[in-house]
Amino acid sequence: MLALYRTAREAVSIYQDLRQLYDMAAALCQKREHPPGYEVELIEDFRACRACTYDPDPLLEGEAEPWDSGWSIVGA
C-alpha cells in the first residue's frame, strides 16, 4: 500500500513537471506583439551633414610662456 502511495506521488510530480514545461513552451511560442516602430531623435536633424565647429581654446592657442622650451620629458 505504501509503495502505491509513493508511485502516485511520483506520477503526480512528473505530471506537474511536464505541465510546467508545456506552459513554458507555449508561452515562448505565442505570437508576441512588437513595440511600435518609431525612432526618437535626440539631436535635431542629426542626419544632415554639418561642418565641424572648432572653438579655439585660449590656453592652447596663446603665446608660449617665457620659461617654456616647448619640450616635454616623459618616462621611458
Protein backbone atom coordinates (compact mmCIF):
# COMPACT_ATOMS: atom_id res chain seq x y z
CA MET A 1 0.00 0.00 0.00
CA LEU A 2 2.83 2.39 0.84
CA ALA A 3 4.53 1.67 -2.49
CA LEU A 4 1.34 2.57 -4.35
CA TYR A 5 1.17 5.90 -2.49
CA ARG A 6 4.80 6.72 -3.40
CA THR A 7 4.21 5.74 -7.02
CA ALA A 8 1.16 8.01 -7.17
CA ARG A 9 3.16 10.91 -5.72
CA GLU A 10 5.92 10.36 -8.27
CA ALA A 11 3.36 10.22 -11.10
CA VAL A 12 1.78 13.49 -9.94
CA SER A 13 5.22 15.11 -9.62
CA ILE A 14 6.17 14.04 -13.15
CA TYR A 15 2.82 15.30 -14.45
CA GLN A 16 3.36 18.70 -12.78
CA ASP A 17 6.87 18.96 -14.26
CA LEU A 18 5.61 18.11 -17.75
CA ARG A 19 2.74 20.57 -17.40
CA GLN A 20 5.17 23.31 -16.34
CA LEU A 21 7.43 22.56 -19.33
CA TYR A 22 4.42 22.64 -21.65
CA ASP A 23 3.28 26.00 -20.26
CA MET A 24 6.79 27.44 -20.69
CA ALA A 25 6.98 26.21 -24.29
CA ALA A 26 3.51 27.56 -25.05
CA ALA A 27 4.46 30.97 -23.63
CA LEU A 28 7.59 31.08 -25.81
CA CYS A 29 5.70 30.07 -28.94
CA GLN A 30 2.94 32.63 -28.54
CA LYS A 31 2.99 35.44 -31.06
CA ARG A 32 4.46 38.40 -29.27
CA GLU A 33 3.44 41.94 -30.02
CA HIS A 34 6.29 44.11 -31.16
CA PRO A 35 6.54 47.64 -29.82
CA PRO A 36 5.60 50.36 -32.28
CA GLY A 37 8.38 51.07 -34.75
CA TYR A 38 9.25 54.66 -34.17
CA GLU A 39 12.52 56.50 -33.78
CA VAL A 40 13.41 59.10 -31.25
CA GLU A 41 15.82 61.75 -32.44
CA LEU A 42 17.73 63.22 -29.55
CA ILE A 43 19.54 65.73 -31.74
CA GLU A 44 17.59 67.88 -34.12
CA ASP A 45 18.26 66.92 -37.75
CA PHE A 46 21.21 64.70 -36.81
CA ARG A 47 21.34 63.01 -40.23
CA ALA A 48 22.12 66.26 -42.04
CA CYS A 49 25.78 66.87 -42.78
CA ARG A 50 27.21 69.85 -40.94
CA ALA A 51 30.64 71.32 -40.87
CA CYS A 52 32.68 70.74 -37.72
CA THR A 53 32.88 73.70 -35.41
CA TYR A 54 36.05 74.46 -33.55
CA ASP A 55 36.19 76.64 -30.50
CA PRO A 56 39.75 77.81 -30.03
CA ASP A 57 40.98 77.26 -26.52
CA PRO A 58 42.77 80.38 -25.30
CA LEU A 59 45.04 78.27 -23.09
CA LEU A 60 46.27 76.20 -26.03
CA GLU A 61 46.27 78.95 -28.66
CA GLY A 62 48.13 81.56 -26.61
CA GLU A 63 51.76 82.51 -26.71
CA ALA A 64 54.29 80.22 -25.05
CA GLU A 65 55.43 81.20 -21.60
CA PRO A 66 58.93 82.67 -21.44
CA TRP A 67 60.25 79.74 -19.41
CA ASP A 68 58.57 77.13 -21.66
CA SER A 69 61.08 75.49 -24.01
CA GLY A 70 58.40 73.53 -25.85
CA TRP A 71 59.97 70.21 -24.86
CA SER A 72 58.34 67.60 -22.67
CA ILE A 73 60.08 64.97 -20.56
CA VAL A 74 58.30 61.63 -20.50
CA GLY A 75 59.25 58.41 -18.73
CA ALA A 76 60.58 55.57 -20.85
